[in-house]
Amino acid sequence: MQSSAQLRPAPPAPSGRTVPSMAVLTGPERIEALKAVCPDVQDLSQMAAPDVVMRHGGGLILIEQGMPGWDQLLLLIAVERPSTAVIVVSDQLPAHMVRALMKLEAWDVLAVSADAGDVMETAARLTDARTEAKGGPADSVCWAFRGAVGGAGVSTLAIESAFALARLVGPGKVCLVDLNLADGMTASFLEAVPKLDLQALSAAPERLDARLLAAWCWQHEDGVSIIASPRNPEADAMASEAAILRLLDVACAAFPYVILDMPRHMMPWTKSVMAAVDQAVIVSELTVPSLHAAADMCRDVDVLRGECSKARLVLNRMFQKKQFRAGFPVDQAEKAIERKIDVTVTSDWDAARTAVNLGKPIATVKPKSALVLDVDGMVRKFAPDGMIENSQTTRSTKKARS
């Protein structure tokens, strides 16, 4: 065991790079030292190896040789999630463990005497190397759309956002996942084939990999992959938290952009998903009951997300400005609920009805619809800085070379 002097908190890497989160299987003293320099340090000592791989695979994991289960975890990561960046703390690593590390995309070994600053510097370097190799962020972008009230048009917004993203970043990069497992409408809206085998997923979540996920995807002609399950009243009871998190974990590893159509009612996995996504989007309407429900849900989600970005509030089915109807201005609504309304989306009932009857996105049926323009603006607003510009530059470069 290391002395406290060796595990003293150290400043971040000289480069100024910060690593926002790290999952660690190490002793309590090293954990405390890392907490002083890393905003989110997650202790893996009480988790089984398959659960660690399912929840944290693809991210950044620190493993200390000699900790209970360290060897099983490292071998499982090498087999199941080689995209994970792993740092091993060891003075004499066995040869078969070195071979396991060599299967990973990013890894390094540090001496037992390494302090928290050494760990953070190595973590930043591995993160940068992995980003460079992929030509973009190491992790995918995942947004979850959830309704504060029933009938708020969540599925429509999730669908239109997915296709708006695909138009901006190119085909084959966006996946739309319908998590309304019992009665989802995404497949019906787009005349898609619901191919997700929920029973098989729930029976053995650890068996899901990129190849099986591809078999469960239905490809739309406009370049969006859709994952949906056949409608089944027993589906909600069938889906475990482990199954859903594994599904999303593999989807985020396979696609740069993942859009989730979430059920409004609370599921066993709802909190975990809303806490982990890049953007938690709460959808409501401009009525007093809906606004209060949305404000309450936003506050609940904010607590789950901690230091991450706060929930985004979107008002859907807004009347066009030229139409004078009973209601109240958005700024007055913000004062009433004491919360900022991030985006408003104009209603276009005729275009939406025509689109679902034809099994197409609204943008295909009526590209100049105010709804389509509002969703496009929302996607650009919620996207990480530089994401869309970088994607469009890459597409232009590829087109010029072809």
Protein backbone atom coordinates (compact mmCIF):
# COMPACT_ATOMS: atom_id res chain seq x y z
CA MET A 1 0.00 0.00 0.00
CA GLN A 2 1.23 3.46 -0.87
CA SER A 3 1.92 6.15 1.69
CA SER A 4 -0.08 9.34 1.73
CA ALA A 5 2.98 11.26 0.60
CA GLN A 6 3.11 9.26 -2.61
CA LEU A 7 -0.63 9.78 -3.18
CA ARG A 8 -0.72 13.48 -2.42
CA PRO A 9 -3.07 15.56 -4.60
CA ALA A 10 -1.25 17.09 -7.52
CA PRO A 11 -2.17 19.87 -9.92
CA PRO A 12 -3.58 19.00 -13.34
CA ALA A 13 -1.30 18.33 -16.27
CA PRO A 14 0.86 21.31 -17.30
CA SER A 15 -0.96 21.42 -20.63
CA GLY A 16 -4.06 22.67 -18.79
CA ARG A 17 -6.14 19.77 -20.12
CA THR A 18 -8.74 18.50 -17.71
CA VAL A 19 -10.31 15.05 -17.70
CA PRO A 20 -13.95 15.48 -16.61
CA SER A 21 -14.55 11.92 -15.41
CA MET A 22 -12.72 8.70 -14.65
CA ALA A 23 -13.82 5.27 -13.41
CA VAL A 24 -11.26 3.74 -11.04
CA LEU A 25 -10.53 0.37 -9.47
CA THR A 26 -7.89 1.35 -6.93
CA GLY A 27 -7.29 1.91 -3.24
CA PRO A 28 -9.14 4.55 -1.18
CA GLU A 29 -6.07 6.77 -0.75
CA ARG A 30 -5.50 7.05 -4.48
CA ILE A 31 -9.21 7.72 -5.00
CA GLU A 32 -9.11 10.62 -2.55
CA ALA A 33 -6.03 12.04 -4.27
CA LEU A 34 -7.70 11.83 -7.68
CA LYS A 35 -10.86 13.52 -6.43
CA ALA A 36 -8.79 16.63 -5.77
CA VAL A 37 -7.90 16.98 -9.47
CA CYS A 38 -10.74 15.23 -11.34
CA PRO A 39 -14.36 16.49 -11.13
CA ASP A 40 -15.93 13.01 -11.32
CA VAL A 41 -14.15 9.94 -9.91
CA GLN A 42 -16.30 6.80 -9.82
CA ASP A 43 -15.26 3.97 -7.51
CA LEU A 44 -15.62 0.56 -9.18
CA SER A 45 -14.63 -1.57 -6.20
CA GLN A 46 -18.21 -2.64 -5.44
CA MET A 47 -19.18 -3.42 -9.05
CA ALA A 48 -18.87 -6.73 -10.88
CA ALA A 49 -16.64 -6.73 -13.97
CA PRO A 50 -19.53 -7.21 -16.49
CA ASP A 51 -21.37 -4.25 -14.93
CA VAL A 52 -18.26 -2.08 -15.16
CA VAL A 53 -17.82 -2.94 -18.84
CA MET A 54 -21.48 -2.28 -19.54
CA ARG A 55 -21.62 1.08 -17.75
CA HIS A 56 -18.12 2.45 -18.33
CA GLY A 57 -16.82 0.61 -21.37
CA GLY A 58 -15.66 3.02 -24.07
CA GLY A 59 -14.69 5.61 -21.48
CA LEU A 60 -11.60 6.05 -19.30
CA ILE A 61 -10.77 3.47 -16.61
CA LEU A 62 -7.91 3.33 -14.12
CA ILE A 63 -7.04 -0.16 -12.80
CA GLU A 64 -4.56 -0.92 -10.03
CA GLN A 65 -2.92 -4.33 -10.04
CA GLY A 66 -3.71 -6.31 -6.89
CA MET A 67 -7.23 -4.92 -6.40
CA PRO A 68 -9.88 -7.68 -6.19
CA GLY A 69 -11.04 -8.60 -9.71
CA TRP A 70 -8.56 -6.33 -11.50
CA ASP A 71 -7.36 -9.07 -13.86
CA GLN A 72 -10.87 -10.23 -14.76
CA LEU A 73 -11.91 -6.66 -15.49
CA LEU A 74 -8.94 -5.95 -17.74
CA LEU A 75 -9.39 -9.16 -19.73
CA LEU A 76 -13.11 -8.52 -20.14
CA ILE A 77 -12.52 -4.96 -21.36
CA ALA A 78 -10.02 -6.24 -23.95
CA VAL A 79 -12.62 -8.66 -25.31
CA GLU A 80 -15.86 -6.70 -24.97
CA ARG A 81 -14.89 -3.01 -25.26
CA PRO A 82 -11.45 -2.47 -26.83
CA SER A 83 -12.43 1.16 -27.47
CA THR A 84 -11.97 1.81 -23.72
CA ALA A 85 -8.93 3.87 -22.65
CA VAL A 86 -7.22 2.03 -19.78
CA ILE A 87 -4.44 3.09 -17.42
CA VAL A 88 -2.93 0.30 -15.31
CA VAL A 89 -0.96 1.02 -12.14
CA SER A 90 1.64 -1.73 -11.77
CA ASP A 91 5.36 -2.27 -11.20
CA GLN A 92 5.43 -5.73 -12.78
CA LEU A 93 2.58 -6.52 -15.15
CA PRO A 94 2.23 -10.17 -16.24
CA ALA A 95 2.82 -10.87 -19.94
CA HIS A 96 -0.73 -12.05 -20.62
CA MET A 97 -2.05 -8.77 -19.20
CA VAL A 98 0.26 -6.82 -21.50
CA ARG A 99 -1.16 -8.79 -24.43
CA ALA A 100 -4.66 -7.86 -23.26
CA LEU A 101 -3.68 -4.17 -23.15
CA MET A 102 -2.32 -4.37 -26.68
CA LYS A 103 -5.83 -5.14 -27.93
CA LEU A 104 -7.06 -1.75 -26.71
CA GLU A 105 -7.13 1.43 -28.76
CA ALA A 106 -5.54 3.51 -25.98
CA TRP A 107 -3.64 2.36 -22.89
CA ASP A 108 -0.65 3.02 -20.67
CA VAL A 109 1.05 1.58 -17.59
CA LEU A 110 2.16 3.74 -14.66
CA ALA A 111 4.42 2.84 -11.76
CA VAL A 112 2.84 2.29 -8.37
CA SER A 113 4.63 5.42 -7.17
CA ALA A 114 2.75 7.60 -9.70
CA ASP A 115 0.78 10.42 -8.10
CA ALA A 116 -2.55 11.95 -9.10
CA GLY A 117 -0.85 14.45 -11.40
CA ASP A 118 0.87 11.64 -13.33
CA VAL A 119 -2.46 9.86 -13.72
CA MET A 120 -4.23 13.00 -14.97
CA GLU A 121 -1.46 13.83 -17.43
CA THR A 122 -1.57 10.30 -18.85
CA ALA A 123 -5.38 10.37 -18.99
CA ALA A 124 -5.34 13.66 -20.91
CA ARG A 125 -2.74 12.33 -23.34
CA LEU A 126 -4.72 9.13 -24.01
CA THR A 127 -7.90 11.13 -24.51
CA ASP A 128 -6.19 13.47 -26.98
CA ALA A 129 -4.58 10.56 -28.86
CA ARG A 130 -7.88 8.76 -29.20
CA THR A 131 -9.63 11.94 -30.37
CA GLU A 132 -6.91 12.55 -32.97
CA ALA A 133 -7.13 8.98 -34.26
CA LYS A 134 -10.89 9.22 -34.74
CA GLY A 135 -10.80 12.72 -36.18
CA GLY A 136 -13.32 13.98 -33.64
CA PRO A 137 -14.62 13.50 -30.11
CA ALA A 138 -13.87 10.12 -28.54
CA ASP A 139 -17.45 9.83 -27.30
CA SER A 140 -20.65 10.11 -29.26
CA VAL A 141 -23.25 12.84 -28.81
CA CYS A 142 -26.45 11.53 -27.19
CA TRP A 143 -29.65 13.53 -26.67
CA ALA A 144 -32.77 12.33 -24.84
CA PHE A 145 -36.24 13.79 -25.56
CA ARG A 146 -38.84 13.31 -22.82
CA GLY A 147 -42.33 14.77 -22.49
CA ALA A 148 -43.48 16.62 -19.40
CA VAL A 149 -47.07 15.77 -20.32
CA GLY A 150 -48.69 13.26 -22.64
CA GLY A 151 -49.22 14.25 -26.26
CA ALA A 152 -46.55 16.95 -26.31
CA GLY A 153 -45.14 15.70 -29.63
CA VAL A 154 -41.95 14.16 -28.26
CA SER A 155 -41.70 11.43 -30.90
CA THR A 156 -42.17 13.98 -33.68
CA LEU A 157 -39.41 16.21 -32.29
CA ALA A 158 -37.05 13.26 -31.77
CA ILE A 159 -37.61 12.07 -35.34
CA GLU A 160 -37.23 15.49 -36.90
CA SER A 161 -34.11 16.19 -34.82
CA ALA A 162 -32.51 12.93 -35.94
CA PHE A 163 -33.12 13.70 -39.61
CA ALA A 164 -32.03 17.33 -39.19
CA LEU A 165 -28.77 16.06 -37.71
CA ALA A 166 -28.33 13.61 -40.59
CA ARG A 167 -28.72 16.43 -43.10
CA LEU A 168 -25.99 18.36 -41.31
CA VAL A 169 -23.44 15.63 -40.53
CA GLY A 170 -24.10 13.14 -43.32
CA PRO A 171 -25.82 9.75 -43.70
CA GLY A 172 -24.94 6.74 -41.58
CA LYS A 173 -23.91 8.75 -38.51
CA VAL A 174 -27.22 9.19 -36.68
CA CYS A 175 -29.17 6.57 -34.75
CA LEU A 176 -32.71 7.11 -33.45
CA VAL A 177 -33.64 4.81 -30.55
CA ASP A 178 -37.30 4.48 -29.54
CA LEU A 179 -37.37 3.65 -25.83
CA ASN A 180 -41.15 3.65 -25.71
CA LEU A 181 -40.87 -0.13 -25.67
CA ALA A 182 -44.49 -1.06 -25.03
CA ASP A 183 -46.20 1.27 -27.47
CA GLY A 184 -43.61 3.30 -29.39
CA MET A 185 -44.77 5.11 -32.52
CA THR A 186 -41.45 5.86 -34.22
CA ALA A 187 -41.56 2.76 -36.43
CA SER A 188 -45.17 3.51 -37.46
CA PHE A 189 -44.41 7.16 -38.20
CA LEU A 190 -41.56 6.21 -40.55
CA GLU A 191 -42.87 2.86 -41.84
CA ALA A 192 -39.78 1.30 -40.29
CA VAL A 193 -39.33 -2.33 -39.33
CA PRO A 194 -39.03 -2.74 -35.52
CA LYS A 195 -36.15 -5.21 -35.29
CA LEU A 196 -35.00 -4.94 -31.68
CA ASP A 197 -35.26 -8.33 -29.94
CA LEU A 198 -36.00 -7.10 -26.43
CA GLN A 199 -36.33 -10.60 -25.00
CA ALA A 200 -32.87 -11.61 -26.21
CA LEU A 201 -31.37 -8.33 -25.01
CA SER A 202 -32.88 -8.66 -21.54
CA ALA A 203 -31.84 -12.30 -21.21
CA ALA A 204 -28.16 -11.60 -21.92
CA PRO A 205 -27.25 -7.88 -22.20
CA GLU A 206 -23.53 -8.67 -22.19
CA ARG A 207 -23.86 -10.51 -25.53
CA LEU A 208 -24.85 -7.37 -27.40
CA ASP A 209 -22.04 -6.11 -29.62
CA ALA A 210 -21.75 -3.93 -32.72
CA ARG A 211 -22.57 -6.79 -35.08
CA LEU A 212 -25.77 -7.74 -33.27
CA LEU A 213 -26.75 -4.09 -32.95
CA ALA A 214 -26.43 -3.72 -36.73
CA ALA A 215 -28.86 -6.62 -37.15
CA TRP A 216 -31.37 -4.80 -34.95
CA CYS A 217 -31.09 -1.50 -36.87
CA TRP A 218 -33.43 -0.51 -39.66
CA GLN A 219 -31.88 1.88 -42.17
CA HIS A 220 -33.98 4.76 -43.49
CA GLU A 221 -33.25 5.91 -47.03
CA ASP A 222 -32.37 9.39 -45.69
CA GLY A 223 -29.43 8.02 -43.72
CA VAL A 224 -30.85 7.57 -40.20
CA SER A 225 -30.63 4.20 -38.44
CA ILE A 226 -33.68 3.33 -36.33
CA ILE A 227 -33.81 0.97 -33.36
CA ALA A 228 -37.31 0.10 -32.22
CA SER A 229 -39.01 -2.95 -30.77
CA PRO A 230 -42.35 -4.44 -31.85
CA ARG A 231 -45.23 -3.10 -29.78
CA ASN A 232 -45.76 -5.34 -26.78
CA PRO A 233 -47.74 -4.49 -23.60
CA GLU A 234 -45.30 -6.60 -21.57
CA ALA A 235 -42.18 -4.86 -22.91
CA ASP A 236 -41.77 -2.34 -20.09
CA ALA A 237 -41.64 -5.08 -17.47
CA MET A 238 -39.25 -7.09 -19.63
CA ALA A 239 -36.58 -4.39 -20.07
CA SER A 240 -34.07 -4.22 -17.23
CA GLU A 241 -31.76 -1.31 -16.48
CA ALA A 242 -28.78 -3.45 -17.45
CA ALA A 243 -30.35 -4.23 -20.84
CA ILE A 244 -31.19 -0.62 -21.70
CA LEU A 245 -27.83 0.75 -20.59
CA ARG A 246 -26.02 -1.91 -22.59
CA LEU A 247 -28.12 -1.08 -25.66
CA LEU A 248 -27.31 2.62 -25.40
CA ASP A 249 -23.66 1.95 -24.62
CA VAL A 250 -23.18 -0.11 -27.77
CA ALA A 251 -25.25 2.32 -29.86
CA CYS A 252 -23.11 5.25 -28.72
CA ALA A 253 -19.97 3.29 -29.58
CA ALA A 254 -21.31 2.52 -33.07
CA PHE A 255 -22.78 5.94 -33.99
CA PRO A 256 -21.39 9.46 -33.49
CA TYR A 257 -24.90 10.82 -32.85
CA VAL A 258 -27.69 9.06 -30.93
CA ILE A 259 -31.20 10.47 -30.37
CA LEU A 260 -33.47 8.88 -27.74
CA ASP A 261 -37.26 9.04 -27.77
CA MET A 262 -37.98 8.55 -24.04
CA PRO A 263 -41.25 7.52 -22.37
CA ARG A 264 -42.82 10.13 -20.10
CA HIS A 265 -43.57 7.68 -17.29
CA MET A 266 -40.72 6.68 -14.99
CA MET A 267 -38.92 3.43 -15.79
CA PRO A 268 -36.23 1.63 -13.73
CA TRP A 269 -33.60 3.00 -16.11
CA THR A 270 -34.96 6.53 -16.66
CA LYS A 271 -32.79 8.25 -14.05
CA SER A 272 -29.59 6.58 -15.24
CA VAL A 273 -30.23 7.57 -18.85
CA MET A 274 -31.27 11.17 -18.12
CA ALA A 275 -28.22 11.63 -15.92
CA ALA A 276 -25.78 10.32 -18.54
CA VAL A 277 -26.89 11.87 -21.85
CA ASP A 278 -25.24 14.98 -23.29
CA GLN A 279 -28.53 16.85 -23.57
CA ALA A 280 -31.69 16.09 -21.58
CA VAL A 281 -34.52 17.77 -23.52
CA ILE A 282 -37.87 18.24 -21.76
CA VAL A 283 -40.78 18.88 -24.15
CA SER A 284 -43.92 20.73 -23.13
CA GLU A 285 -46.69 22.96 -24.45
CA LEU A 286 -47.59 26.55 -23.65
CA THR A 287 -50.35 25.84 -21.16
CA VAL A 288 -50.25 26.47 -17.42
CA PRO A 289 -50.51 22.79 -16.34
CA SER A 290 -47.91 21.71 -18.92
CA LEU A 291 -45.48 24.45 -17.90
CA HIS A 292 -45.65 23.53 -14.22
CA ALA A 293 -45.16 19.85 -15.04
CA ALA A 294 -42.19 20.75 -17.25
CA ALA A 295 -40.60 22.95 -14.60
CA ASP A 296 -40.91 20.16 -12.01
CA MET A 297 -39.40 17.60 -14.38
CA CYS A 298 -36.55 19.94 -15.30
CA ARG A 299 -35.70 20.46 -11.64
CA ASP A 300 -35.70 16.71 -11.02
CA VAL A 301 -33.43 16.12 -14.02
CA ASP A 302 -31.08 18.91 -12.94
CA VAL A 303 -30.57 17.13 -9.60
CA LEU A 304 -29.76 13.88 -11.43
CA ARG A 305 -27.26 15.58 -13.74
CA GLY A 306 -25.33 17.34 -10.99
CA GLU A 307 -22.54 19.40 -12.54
CA CYS A 308 -23.46 18.40 -16.11
CA SER A 309 -25.46 20.67 -18.40
CA LYS A 310 -28.95 21.43 -17.10
CA ALA A 311 -32.12 20.13 -18.71
CA ARG A 312 -33.26 21.98 -21.82
CA LEU A 313 -36.89 23.10 -21.96
CA VAL A 314 -38.60 23.10 -25.36
CA LEU A 315 -42.13 24.37 -25.98
CA ASN A 316 -43.72 22.49 -28.85
CA ARG A 317 -46.83 23.16 -30.94
CA MET A 318 -46.61 26.91 -30.69
CA PHE A 319 -48.98 29.01 -32.78
CA GLN A 320 -47.45 31.03 -35.57
CA LYS A 321 -46.85 34.65 -34.64
CA LYS A 322 -49.34 35.94 -37.17
CA GLN A 323 -52.13 33.98 -35.51
CA PHE A 324 -53.68 35.67 -32.52
CA ARG A 325 -54.97 33.08 -30.06
CA ALA A 326 -55.65 33.00 -26.34
CA GLY A 327 -52.37 32.54 -24.51
CA PHE A 328 -49.53 34.44 -22.94
CA PRO A 329 -46.04 35.42 -24.08
CA VAL A 330 -43.05 33.16 -23.60
CA ASP A 331 -41.28 35.68 -21.34
CA GLN A 332 -44.32 35.70 -19.07
CA ALA A 333 -44.25 31.90 -18.99
CA GLU A 334 -40.56 31.98 -17.99
CA LYS A 335 -41.36 34.27 -15.08
CA ALA A 336 -44.20 32.03 -13.98
CA ILE A 337 -42.02 28.91 -13.77
CA GLU A 338 -38.76 30.75 -12.95
CA ARG A 339 -36.91 28.95 -15.69
CA LYS A 340 -35.53 29.77 -19.12
CA ILE A 341 -37.35 28.32 -22.14
CA ASP A 342 -34.57 27.30 -24.51
CA VAL A 343 -36.49 26.72 -27.76
CA THR A 344 -40.00 27.13 -29.16
CA VAL A 345 -41.20 24.97 -32.07
CA THR A 346 -44.03 26.17 -34.27
CA SER A 347 -46.96 23.83 -34.88
CA ASP A 348 -47.64 22.59 -38.41
CA TRP A 349 -50.41 20.05 -37.99
CA ASP A 350 -51.14 19.62 -41.71
CA ALA A 351 -47.51 18.87 -42.57
CA ALA A 352 -47.13 16.50 -39.60
CA ARG A 353 -50.30 14.59 -40.52
CA THR A 354 -49.23 14.26 -44.15
CA ALA A 355 -45.77 13.09 -43.14
CA VAL A 356 -46.93 10.29 -40.85
CA ASN A 357 -49.47 9.12 -43.44
CA LEU A 358 -46.65 8.86 -45.99
CA GLY A 359 -44.13 7.39 -43.54
CA LYS A 360 -41.66 10.23 -44.10
CA PRO A 361 -40.05 12.98 -42.00
CA ILE A 362 -41.81 16.34 -42.16
CA ALA A 363 -38.74 17.92 -43.74
CA THR A 364 -39.19 15.67 -46.77
CA VAL A 365 -42.87 16.50 -47.16
CA LYS A 366 -42.65 20.23 -46.47
CA PRO A 367 -39.01 21.37 -46.23
CA LYS A 368 -39.89 25.04 -45.70
CA SER A 369 -42.29 24.36 -42.83
CA ALA A 370 -41.82 26.61 -39.81
CA LEU A 371 -41.61 23.45 -37.71
CA VAL A 372 -38.70 22.15 -39.79
CA LEU A 373 -36.86 25.46 -39.55
CA ASP A 374 -37.37 25.61 -35.78
CA VAL A 375 -36.07 22.06 -35.29
CA ASP A 376 -33.05 22.79 -37.46
CA GLY A 377 -32.31 25.82 -35.29
CA MET A 378 -32.73 23.74 -32.13
CA VAL A 379 -30.27 21.11 -33.37
CA ARG A 380 -27.69 23.76 -34.19
CA LYS A 381 -28.20 25.38 -30.78
CA PHE A 382 -27.85 22.15 -28.79
CA ALA A 383 -24.91 20.77 -30.78
CA PRO A 384 -21.44 20.96 -29.18
CA ASP A 385 -19.26 23.82 -30.37
CA GLY A 386 -17.70 23.05 -33.74
CA MET A 387 -19.48 19.71 -34.18
CA ILE A 388 -21.54 20.66 -37.21
CA GLU A 389 -18.82 22.80 -38.78
CA ASN A 390 -16.26 19.99 -38.44
CA SER A 391 -18.65 17.44 -39.91
CA GLN A 392 -19.46 19.66 -42.88
CA THR A 393 -15.76 20.36 -43.48
CA THR A 394 -15.03 16.63 -43.48
CA ARG A 395 -17.87 15.96 -45.91
CA SER A 396 -16.69 18.73 -48.24
CA THR A 397 -13.14 17.36 -48.19
CA LYS A 398 -14.31 13.83 -49.00
CA LYS A 399 -16.51 15.13 -51.81
CA ALA A 400 -13.62 17.10 -53.30
CA ARG A 401 -11.38 14.03 -53.27
CA SER A 402 -13.97 11.78 -54.92
